[in-house]
């Protein structure tokens, strides 16, 4: 089997853009991203052991987007100004390493 030039290339250009805990906010944000054609995927983070002890039992839903679409995603959030208090901004390089 012949390998081509791209078979060993790893692409990791996603960033953790924001997180929410309310499923209604998640749905609204998903619809807004789809309407604006922002490519995203969701990562569900379960609360840790100490979070459960101290009352933080809701899972966090992280929206990961392509780094080339940050400006568009920020415009979408500006249009959803009333939900801004329910959205926690992250804007960090995603640590989702997908190997080939």
PDB file of N, CA and C in Angstrom:
ATOM      1  N   UNK A   1       0.844  -1.185   0.000  1.00  0.00           N
ATOM      2  CA  UNK A   1       0.000   0.000   0.000  1.00  0.00           C
ATOM      3  C   UNK A   1       0.882   1.240   0.000  1.00  0.00           C
ATOM      4  N   UNK A   2       0.566   2.176  -0.845  1.00  0.00           N
ATOM      5  CA  UNK A   2       1.340   3.403  -0.977  1.00  0.00           C
ATOM      6  C   UNK A   2       0.691   4.496  -0.127  1.00  0.00           C
ATOM      7  N   UNK A   3       1.503   5.138   0.706  1.00  0.00           N
ATOM      8  CA  UNK A   3       0.995   6.234   1.526  1.00  0.00           C
ATOM      9  C   UNK A   3       1.173   7.547   0.781  1.00  0.00           C
ATOM     10  N   UNK A   4       0.182   8.396   0.870  1.00  0.00           N
ATOM     11  CA  UNK A   4       0.333   9.695   0.241  1.00  0.00           C
ATOM     12  C   UNK A   4       0.880  10.707   1.237  1.00  0.00           C
ATOM     13  N   UNK A   5       1.110  11.885   0.766  1.00  0.00           N
ATOM     14  CA  UNK A   5       1.730  12.946   1.570  1.00  0.00           C
ATOM     15  C   UNK A   5       0.873  13.340   2.773  1.00  0.00           C
ATOM     16  N   UNK A   6      -0.435  13.187   2.667  1.00  0.00           N
ATOM     17  CA  UNK A   6      -1.332  13.663   3.709  1.00  0.00           C
ATOM     18  C   UNK A   6      -1.707  12.603   4.744  1.00  0.00           C
ATOM     19  N   UNK A   7      -1.258  11.395   4.587  1.00  0.00           N
ATOM     20  CA  UNK A   7      -1.686  10.333   5.490  1.00  0.00           C
ATOM     21  C   UNK A   7      -1.140  10.476   6.904  1.00  0.00           C
ATOM     22  N   UNK A   8      -0.053  11.200   7.083  1.00  0.00           N
ATOM     23  CA  UNK A   8       0.538  11.366   8.405  1.00  0.00           C
ATOM     24  C   UNK A   8       0.266  12.744   9.008  1.00  0.00           C
ATOM     25  N   UNK A   9      -0.532  13.543   8.344  1.00  0.00           N
ATOM     26  CA  UNK A   9      -0.819  14.895   8.805  1.00  0.00           C
ATOM     27  C   UNK A   9      -1.917  14.852   9.853  1.00  0.00           C
ATOM     28  N   UNK A  10      -1.681  15.525  10.975  1.00  0.00           N
ATOM     29  CA  UNK A  10      -2.709  15.641  12.005  1.00  0.00           C
ATOM     30  C   UNK A  10      -3.264  17.056  11.964  1.00  0.00           C
ATOM     31  N   UNK A  11      -4.566  17.163  11.943  1.00  0.00           N
ATOM     32  CA  UNK A  11      -5.209  18.463  11.903  1.00  0.00           C
ATOM     33  C   UNK A  11      -5.879  18.692  13.245  1.00  0.00           C
ATOM     34  N   UNK A  12      -5.529  19.768  13.878  1.00  0.00           N
ATOM     35  CA  UNK A  12      -6.101  20.084  15.178  1.00  0.00           C
ATOM     36  C   UNK A  12      -6.270  21.601  15.262  1.00  0.00           C
ATOM     37  N   UNK A  13      -7.291  22.105  14.586  1.00  0.00           N
ATOM     38  CA  UNK A  13      -7.508  23.546  14.569  1.00  0.00           C
ATOM     39  C   UNK A  13      -8.790  23.943  15.284  1.00  0.00           C
ATOM     40  N   UNK A  14      -9.237  23.110  16.220  1.00  0.00           N
ATOM     41  CA  UNK A  14     -10.429  23.433  16.990  1.00  0.00           C
ATOM     42  C   UNK A  14     -10.049  24.175  18.262  1.00  0.00           C
ATOM     43  N   UNK A  15     -10.952  25.036  18.689  1.00  0.00           N
ATOM     44  CA  UNK A  15     -10.785  25.702  19.976  1.00  0.00           C
ATOM     45  C   UNK A  15     -12.026  25.462  20.822  1.00  0.00           C
ATOM     46  N   UNK A  16     -11.838  25.415  22.138  1.00  0.00           N
ATOM     47  CA  UNK A  16     -12.964  25.389  23.061  1.00  0.00           C
ATOM     48  C   UNK A  16     -13.467  26.819  23.141  1.00  0.00           C
ATOM     49  N   UNK A  17     -14.604  27.083  22.539  1.00  0.00           N
ATOM     50  CA  UNK A  17     -15.086  28.453  22.410  1.00  0.00           C
ATOM     51  C   UNK A  17     -15.860  28.914  23.641  1.00  0.00           C
ATOM     52  N   UNK A  18     -16.842  28.132  24.060  1.00  0.00           N
ATOM     53  CA  UNK A  18     -17.649  28.514  25.211  1.00  0.00           C
ATOM     54  C   UNK A  18     -18.280  27.275  25.826  1.00  0.00           C
ATOM     55  N   UNK A  19     -18.858  27.440  27.013  1.00  0.00           N
ATOM     56  CA  UNK A  19     -19.559  26.329  27.648  1.00  0.00           C
ATOM     57  C   UNK A  19     -20.857  26.830  28.271  1.00  0.00           C
ATOM     58  N   UNK A  20     -21.805  25.919  28.350  1.00  0.00           N
ATOM     59  CA  UNK A  20     -23.105  26.213  28.951  1.00  0.00           C
ATOM     60  C   UNK A  20     -23.499  25.027  29.828  1.00  0.00           C
ATOM     61  N   UNK A  21     -24.412  25.268  30.760  1.00  0.00           N
ATOM     62  CA  UNK A  21     -24.934  24.184  31.592  1.00  0.00           C
ATOM     63  C   UNK A  21     -26.429  23.986  31.386  1.00  0.00           C
ATOM     64  N   UNK A  22     -27.099  24.976  30.834  1.00  0.00           N
ATOM     65  CA  UNK A  22     -28.538  24.910  30.607  1.00  0.00           C
ATOM     66  C   UNK A  22     -28.821  24.358  29.215  1.00  0.00           C
ATOM     67  N   UNK A  23     -29.633  23.322  29.113  1.00  0.00           N
ATOM     68  CA  UNK A  23     -29.916  22.711  27.817  1.00  0.00           C
ATOM     69  C   UNK A  23     -30.733  23.620  26.898  1.00  0.00           C
ATOM     70  N   UNK A  24     -31.527  24.514  27.459  1.00  0.00           N
ATOM     71  CA  UNK A  24     -32.269  25.465  26.625  1.00  0.00           C
ATOM     72  C   UNK A  24     -31.317  26.455  25.963  1.00  0.00           C
ATOM     73  N   UNK A  25     -30.310  26.895  26.691  1.00  0.00           N
ATOM     74  CA  UNK A  25     -29.300  27.796  26.126  1.00  0.00           C
ATOM     75  C   UNK A  25     -28.499  27.052  25.057  1.00  0.00           C
ATOM     76  N   UNK A  26     -28.194  25.780  25.309  1.00  0.00           N
ATOM     77  CA  UNK A  26     -27.474  24.954  24.339  1.00  0.00           C
ATOM     78  C   UNK A  26     -28.248  24.873  23.032  1.00  0.00           C
ATOM     79  N   UNK A  27     -29.531  24.620  23.114  1.00  0.00           N
ATOM     80  CA  UNK A  27     -30.365  24.500  21.921  1.00  0.00           C
ATOM     81  C   UNK A  27     -30.426  25.816  21.158  1.00  0.00           C
ATOM     82  N   UNK A  28     -30.587  26.922  21.867  1.00  0.00           N
ATOM     83  CA  UNK A  28     -30.635  28.236  21.232  1.00  0.00           C
ATOM     84  C   UNK A  28     -29.318  28.550  20.539  1.00  0.00           C
ATOM     85  N   UNK A  29     -28.212  28.254  21.199  1.00  0.00           N
ATOM     86  CA  UNK A  29     -26.897  28.515  20.632  1.00  0.00           C
ATOM     87  C   UNK A  29     -26.635  27.618  19.420  1.00  0.00           C
ATOM     88  N   UNK A  30     -27.069  26.370  19.500  1.00  0.00           N
ATOM     89  CA  UNK A  30     -26.928  25.461  18.357  1.00  0.00           C
ATOM     90  C   UNK A  30     -27.675  25.988  17.135  1.00  0.00           C
ATOM     91  N   UNK A  31     -28.900  26.426  17.333  1.00  0.00           N
ATOM     92  CA  UNK A  31     -29.702  26.950  16.221  1.00  0.00           C
ATOM     93  C   UNK A  31     -29.054  28.191  15.620  1.00  0.00           C
ATOM     94  N   UNK A  32     -28.517  29.058  16.474  1.00  0.00           N
ATOM     95  CA  UNK A  32     -27.873  30.277  15.988  1.00  0.00           C
ATOM     96  C   UNK A  32     -26.599  29.945  15.208  1.00  0.00           C
ATOM     97  N   UNK A  33     -25.813  28.983  15.690  1.00  0.00           N
ATOM     98  CA  UNK A  33     -24.608  28.574  14.975  1.00  0.00           C
ATOM     99  C   UNK A  33     -24.958  27.935  13.629  1.00  0.00           C
ATOM    100  N   UNK A  34     -26.007  27.104  13.600  1.00  0.00           N
ATOM    101  CA  UNK A  34     -26.415  26.487  12.342  1.00  0.00           C
ATOM    102  C   UNK A  34     -26.879  27.534  11.339  1.00  0.00           C
ATOM    103  N   UNK A  35     -27.623  28.509  11.812  1.00  0.00           N
ATOM    104  CA  UNK A  35     -28.118  29.563  10.930  1.00  0.00           C
ATOM    105  C   UNK A  35     -26.968  30.374  10.336  1.00  0.00           C
ATOM    106  N   UNK A  36     -25.924  30.601  11.137  1.00  0.00           N
ATOM    107  CA  UNK A  36     -24.771  31.374  10.683  1.00  0.00           C
ATOM    108  C   UNK A  36     -23.711  30.495  10.011  1.00  0.00           C
ATOM    109  N   UNK A  37     -23.988  29.195   9.907  1.00  0.00           N
ATOM    110  CA  UNK A  37     -23.083  28.229   9.288  1.00  0.00           C
ATOM    111  C   UNK A  37     -21.735  28.134  10.000  1.00  0.00           C
ATOM    112  N   UNK A  38     -21.784  28.137  11.323  1.00  0.00           N
ATOM    113  CA  UNK A  38     -20.583  27.937  12.135  1.00  0.00           C
ATOM    114  C   UNK A  38     -20.466  26.449  12.433  1.00  0.00           C
ATOM    115  N   UNK A  39     -19.369  25.869  12.035  1.00  0.00           N
ATOM    116  CA  UNK A  39     -19.126  24.457  12.272  1.00  0.00           C
ATOM    117  C   UNK A  39     -18.707  24.258  13.726  1.00  0.00           C
ATOM    118  N   UNK A  40     -19.338  23.313  14.407  1.00  0.00           N
ATOM    119  CA  UNK A  40     -19.050  23.093  15.822  1.00  0.00           C
ATOM    120  C   UNK A  40     -19.252  21.626  16.171  1.00  0.00           C
ATOM    121  N   UNK A  41     -18.709  21.235  17.306  1.00  0.00           N
ATOM    122  CA  UNK A  41     -19.076  19.959  17.909  1.00  0.00           C
ATOM    123  C   UNK A  41     -19.164  20.167  19.406  1.00  0.00           C
ATOM    124  N   UNK A  42     -19.906  19.297  20.072  1.00  0.00           N
ATOM    125  CA  UNK A  42     -20.159  19.428  21.498  1.00  0.00           C
ATOM    126  C   UNK A  42     -19.361  18.397  22.272  1.00  0.00           C
ATOM    127  N   UNK A  43     -18.823  18.826  23.392  1.00  0.00           N
ATOM    128  CA  UNK A  43     -18.151  17.910  24.309  1.00  0.00           C
ATOM    129  C   UNK A  43     -18.831  18.055  25.665  1.00  0.00           C
ATOM    130  N   UNK A  44     -19.363  16.960  26.166  1.00  0.00           N
ATOM    131  CA  UNK A  44     -20.050  16.966  27.456  1.00  0.00           C
ATOM    132  C   UNK A  44     -19.033  16.647  28.535  1.00  0.00           C
ATOM    133  N   UNK A  45     -18.950  17.485  29.542  1.00  0.00           N
ATOM    134  CA  UNK A  45     -18.033  17.265  30.654  1.00  0.00           C
ATOM    135  C   UNK A  45     -18.842  17.018  31.918  1.00  0.00           C
ATOM    136  N   UNK A  46     -18.661  15.850  32.473  1.00  0.00           N
ATOM    137  CA  UNK A  46     -19.363  15.517  33.711  1.00  0.00           C
ATOM    138  C   UNK A  46     -18.694  16.225  34.875  1.00  0.00           C
ATOM    139  N   UNK A  47     -19.473  16.612  35.882  1.00  0.00           N
ATOM    140  CA  UNK A  47     -18.868  17.250  37.047  1.00  0.00           C
ATOM    141  C   UNK A  47     -17.968  16.277  37.798  1.00  0.00           C
ATOM    142  N   UNK A  48     -16.910  16.801  38.359  1.00  0.00           N
ATOM    143  CA  UNK A  48     -15.981  15.971  39.113  1.00  0.00           C
ATOM    144  C   UNK A  48     -16.531  15.578  40.472  1.00  0.00           C
ATOM    145  N   UNK A  49     -15.760  14.794  41.181  1.00  0.00           N
ATOM    146  CA  UNK A  49     -16.175  14.283  42.479  1.00  0.00           C
ATOM    147  C   UNK A  49     -16.468  15.410  43.466  1.00  0.00           C
ATOM    148  N   UNK A  50     -15.560  16.392  43.564  1.00  0.00           N
ATOM    149  CA  UNK A  50     -15.746  17.468  44.531  1.00  0.00           C
ATOM    150  C   UNK A  50     -16.869  18.422  44.126  1.00  0.00           C
ATOM    151  N   UNK A  51     -17.118  18.552  42.832  1.00  0.00           N
ATOM    152  CA  UNK A  51     -18.245  19.365  42.381  1.00  0.00           C
ATOM    153  C   UNK A  51     -19.559  18.777  42.855  1.00  0.00           C
ATOM    154  N   UNK A  52     -19.655  17.457  42.835  1.00  0.00           N
ATOM    155  CA  UNK A  52     -20.877  16.800  43.293  1.00  0.00           C
ATOM    156  C   UNK A  52     -21.083  17.020  44.787  1.00  0.00           C
ATOM    157  N   UNK A  53     -20.005  17.004  45.540  1.00  0.00           N
ATOM    158  CA  UNK A  53     -20.097  17.203  46.988  1.00  0.00           C
ATOM    159  C   UNK A  53     -20.572  18.613  47.319  1.00  0.00           C
ATOM    160  N   UNK A  54     -20.050  19.602  46.569  1.00  0.00           N
ATOM    161  CA  UNK A  54     -20.359  20.999  46.868  1.00  0.00           C
ATOM    162  C   UNK A  54     -21.506  21.566  46.050  1.00  0.00           C
ATOM    163  N   UNK A  55     -22.293  20.722  45.415  1.00  0.00           N
ATOM    164  CA  UNK A  55     -23.534  21.162  44.790  1.00  0.00           C
ATOM    165  C   UNK A  55     -23.483  21.448  43.310  1.00  0.00           C
ATOM    166  N   UNK A  56     -22.371  21.308  42.639  1.00  0.00           N
ATOM    167  CA  UNK A  56     -22.306  21.555  41.208  1.00  0.00           C
ATOM    168  C   UNK A  56     -22.553  20.289  40.424  1.00  0.00           C
ATOM    169  N   UNK A  57     -23.808  19.882  40.280  1.00  0.00           N
ATOM    170  CA  UNK A  57     -24.105  18.578  39.686  1.00  0.00           C
ATOM    171  C   UNK A  57     -24.476  18.643  38.212  1.00  0.00           C
ATOM    172  N   UNK A  58     -24.574  19.825  37.618  1.00  0.00           N
ATOM    173  CA  UNK A  58     -24.946  19.911  36.213  1.00  0.00           C
ATOM    174  C   UNK A  58     -23.722  19.682  35.327  1.00  0.00           C
ATOM    175  N   UNK A  59     -23.902  18.894  34.265  1.00  0.00           N
ATOM    176  CA  UNK A  59     -22.774  18.730  33.332  1.00  0.00           C
ATOM    177  C   UNK A  59     -22.578  19.992  32.506  1.00  0.00           C
ATOM    178  N   UNK A  60     -21.362  20.225  32.135  1.00  0.00           N
ATOM    179  CA  UNK A  60     -21.005  21.368  31.308  1.00  0.00           C
ATOM    180  C   UNK A  60     -20.932  20.911  29.857  1.00  0.00           C
ATOM    181  N   UNK A  61     -21.464  21.713  28.947  1.00  0.00           N
ATOM    182  CA  UNK A  61     -21.459  21.400  27.526  1.00  0.00           C
ATOM    183  C   UNK A  61     -20.542  22.414  26.849  1.00  0.00           C
ATOM    184  N   UNK A  62     -19.440  21.931  26.281  1.00  0.00           N
ATOM    185  CA  UNK A  62     -18.449  22.803  25.663  1.00  0.00           C
ATOM    186  C   UNK A  62     -18.670  22.816  24.158  1.00  0.00           C
ATOM    187  N   UNK A  63     -18.780  24.012  23.589  1.00  0.00           N
ATOM    188  CA  UNK A  63     -18.871  24.192  22.146  1.00  0.00           C
ATOM    189  C   UNK A  63     -17.464  24.367  21.602  1.00  0.00           C
ATOM    190  N   UNK A  64     -17.045  23.454  20.756  1.00  0.00           N
ATOM    191  CA  UNK A  64     -15.736  23.521  20.108  1.00  0.00           C
ATOM    192  C   UNK A  64     -15.966  23.930  18.659  1.00  0.00           C
ATOM    193  N   UNK A  65     -15.245  24.955  18.205  1.00  0.00           N
ATOM    194  CA  UNK A  65     -15.419  25.443  16.841  1.00  0.00           C
ATOM    195  C   UNK A  65     -14.075  25.490  16.133  1.00  0.00           C
ATOM    196  N   UNK A  66     -14.121  25.615  14.821  1.00  0.00           N
ATOM    197  CA  UNK A  66     -12.921  25.770  14.028  1.00  0.00           C
ATOM    198  C   UNK A  66     -12.352  27.165  14.287  1.00  0.00           C
ATOM    199  N   UNK A  67     -11.036  27.250  14.444  1.00  0.00           N
ATOM    200  CA  UNK A  67     -10.417  28.533  14.793  1.00  0.00           C
ATOM    201  C   UNK A  67     -10.606  29.586  13.703  1.00  0.00           C
ATOM    202  N   UNK A  68     -10.883  29.180  12.471  1.00  0.00           N
ATOM    203  CA  UNK A  68     -11.105  30.132  11.387  1.00  0.00           C
ATOM    204  C   UNK A  68     -12.473  30.814  11.494  1.00  0.00           C
ATOM    205  N   UNK A  69     -13.352  30.312  12.349  1.00  0.00           N
ATOM    206  CA  UNK A  69     -14.707  30.863  12.453  1.00  0.00           C
ATOM    207  C   UNK A  69     -14.952  31.621  13.754  1.00  0.00           C
ATOM    208  N   UNK A  70     -13.905  32.041  14.427  1.00  0.00           N
ATOM    209  CA  UNK A  70     -14.070  32.755  15.699  1.00  0.00           C
ATOM    210  C   UNK A  70     -14.861  34.039  15.515  1.00  0.00           C
ATOM    211  N   UNK A  71     -14.519  34.818  14.495  1.00  0.00           N
ATOM    212  CA  UNK A  71     -15.205  36.099  14.291  1.00  0.00           C
ATOM    213  C   UNK A  71     -16.701  35.903  14.058  1.00  0.00           C
ATOM    214  N   UNK A  72     -17.058  34.926  13.252  1.00  0.00           N
ATOM    215  CA  UNK A  72     -18.474  34.654  12.986  1.00  0.00           C
ATOM    216  C   UNK A  72     -19.182  34.203  14.258  1.00  0.00           C
ATOM    217  N   UNK A  73     -18.533  33.338  15.031  1.00  0.00           N
ATOM    218  CA  UNK A  73     -19.131  32.846  16.277  1.00  0.00           C
ATOM    219  C   UNK A  73     -19.330  33.980  17.277  1.00  0.00           C
ATOM    220  N   UNK A  74     -18.383  34.905  17.340  1.00  0.00           N
ATOM    221  CA  UNK A  74     -18.536  36.042  18.257  1.00  0.00           C
ATOM    222  C   UNK A  74     -19.674  36.955  17.828  1.00  0.00           C
ATOM    223  N   UNK A  75     -19.882  37.099  16.527  1.00  0.00           N
ATOM    224  CA  UNK A  75     -21.018  37.881  16.034  1.00  0.00           C
ATOM    225  C   UNK A  75     -22.340  37.216  16.419  1.00  0.00           C
ATOM    226  N   UNK A  76     -22.374  35.888  16.358  1.00  0.00           N
ATOM    227  CA  UNK A  76     -23.577  35.151  16.754  1.00  0.00           C
ATOM    228  C   UNK A  76     -23.879  35.420  18.224  1.00  0.00           C
ATOM    229  N   UNK A  77     -22.854  35.405  19.068  1.00  0.00           N
ATOM    230  CA  UNK A  77     -23.069  35.661  20.496  1.00  0.00           C
ATOM    231  C   UNK A  77     -23.537  37.078  20.764  1.00  0.00           C
ATOM    232  N   UNK A  78     -23.045  38.033  19.990  1.00  0.00           N
ATOM    233  CA  UNK A  78     -23.511  39.423  20.158  1.00  0.00           C
ATOM    234  C   UNK A  78     -25.003  39.533  19.867  1.00  0.00           C
ATOM    235  N   UNK A  79     -25.458  38.772  18.876  1.00  0.00           N
ATOM    236  CA  UNK A  79     -26.880  38.787  18.531  1.00  0.00           C
ATOM    237  C   UNK A  79     -27.743  38.122  19.605  1.00  0.00           C
ATOM    238  N   UNK A  80     -27.126  37.259  20.429  1.00  0.00           N
ATOM    239  CA  UNK A  80     -27.843  36.588  21.520  1.00  0.00           C
ATOM    240  C   UNK A  80     -27.532  37.268  22.849  1.00  0.00           C
ATOM    241  N   UNK A  81     -27.526  38.566  22.872  1.00  0.00           N
ATOM    242  CA  UNK A  81     -27.124  39.331  24.044  1.00  0.00           C
ATOM    243  C   UNK A  81     -27.836  38.967  25.330  1.00  0.00           C
ATOM    244  N   UNK A  82     -29.108  38.580  25.268  1.00  0.00           N
ATOM    245  CA  UNK A  82     -29.860  38.262  26.477  1.00  0.00           C
ATOM    246  C   UNK A  82     -29.389  36.963  27.132  1.00  0.00           C
ATOM    247  N   UNK A  83     -28.705  36.109  26.392  1.00  0.00           N
ATOM    248  CA  UNK A  83     -28.213  34.839  26.947  1.00  0.00           C
ATOM    249  C   UNK A  83     -26.758  34.919  27.392  1.00  0.00           C
ATOM    250  N   UNK A  84     -26.152  36.077  27.249  1.00  0.00           N
ATOM    251  CA  UNK A  84     -24.724  36.215  27.533  1.00  0.00           C
ATOM    252  C   UNK A  84     -24.348  35.819  28.963  1.00  0.00           C
ATOM    253  N   UNK A  85     -25.235  36.036  29.904  1.00  0.00           N
ATOM    254  CA  UNK A  85     -24.945  35.695  31.301  1.00  0.00           C
ATOM    255  C   UNK A  85     -24.889  34.182  31.522  1.00  0.00           C
ATOM    256  N   UNK A  86     -25.558  33.407  30.664  1.00  0.00           N
ATOM    257  CA  UNK A  86     -25.597  31.950  30.812  1.00  0.00           C
ATOM    258  C   UNK A  86     -24.483  31.236  30.057  1.00  0.00           C
ATOM    259  N   UNK A  87     -23.660  31.992  29.317  1.00  0.00           N
ATOM    260  CA  UNK A  87     -22.604  31.407  28.498  1.00  0.00           C
ATOM    261  C   UNK A  87     -21.249  31.778  29.083  1.00  0.00           C
ATOM    262  N   UNK A  88     -20.451  30.767  29.360  1.00  0.00           N
ATOM    263  CA  UNK A  88     -19.103  30.994  29.891  1.00  0.00           C
ATOM    264  C   UNK A  88     -18.116  30.909  28.731  1.00  0.00           C
ATOM    265  N   UNK A  89     -17.399  31.989  28.471  1.00  0.00           N
ATOM    266  CA  UNK A  89     -16.441  32.023  27.380  1.00  0.00           C
ATOM    267  C   UNK A  89     -15.150  31.318  27.785  1.00  0.00           C
ATOM    268  N   UNK A  90     -14.576  30.551  26.858  1.00  0.00           N
ATOM    269  CA  UNK A  90     -13.331  29.822  27.119  1.00  0.00           C
ATOM    270  C   UNK A  90     -12.225  30.313  26.186  1.00  0.00           C
ATOM    271  N   UNK A  91     -12.443  30.212  24.878  1.00  0.00           N
ATOM    272  CA  UNK A  91     -11.510  30.650  23.832  1.00  0.00           C
ATOM    273  C   UNK A  91     -10.086  30.117  24.024  1.00  0.00           C
ATOM    274  N   UNK A  92      -9.963  28.815  24.210  1.00  0.00           N
ATOM    275  CA  UNK A  92      -8.652  28.185  24.368  1.00  0.00           C
ATOM    276  C   UNK A  92      -8.493  27.072  23.342  1.00  0.00           C
ATOM    277  N   UNK A  93      -7.256  26.777  23.011  1.00  0.00           N
ATOM    278  CA  UNK A  93      -6.966  25.669  22.105  1.00  0.00           C
ATOM    279  C   UNK A  93      -7.525  24.386  22.687  1.00  0.00           C
ATOM    280  N   UNK A  94      -8.246  23.637  21.884  1.00  0.00           N
ATOM    281  CA  UNK A  94      -8.852  22.403  22.350  1.00  0.00           C
ATOM    282  C   UNK A  94      -7.785  21.335  22.536  1.00  0.00           C
ATOM    283  N   UNK A  95      -7.957  20.521  23.569  1.00  0.00           N
ATOM    284  CA  UNK A  95      -6.995  19.443  23.806  1.00  0.00           C
ATOM    285  C   UNK A  95      -7.539  18.107  23.327  1.00  0.00           C
ATOM    286  N   UNK A  96      -8.397  18.128  22.326  1.00  0.00           N
ATOM    287  CA  UNK A  96      -8.942  16.902  21.747  1.00  0.00           C
ATOM    288  C   UNK A  96      -7.957  16.377  20.720  1.00  0.00           C
ATOM    289  N   UNK A  97      -7.101  15.497  21.126  1.00  0.00           N
ATOM    290  CA  UNK A  97      -6.096  14.948  20.207  1.00  0.00           C
ATOM    291  C   UNK A  97      -6.668  13.696  19.546  1.00  0.00           C
ATOM    292  N   UNK A  98      -6.853  13.769  18.251  1.00  0.00           N
ATOM    293  CA  UNK A  98      -7.354  12.638  17.500  1.00  0.00           C
ATOM    294  C   UNK A  98      -6.207  12.128  16.645  1.00  0.00           C
ATOM    295  N   UNK A  99      -5.775  10.934  16.918  1.00  0.00           N
ATOM    296  CA  UNK A  99      -4.647  10.379  16.170  1.00  0.00           C
ATOM    297  C   UNK A  99      -5.112   9.557  14.990  1.00  0.00           C
ATOM    298  N   UNK A 100      -4.240   9.411  14.049  1.00  0.00           N
ATOM    299  CA  UNK A 100      -4.543   8.621  12.862  1.00  0.00           C
ATOM    300  C   UNK A 100      -3.829   7.304  12.937  1.00  0.00           C
TER     301      UNK A 100
END
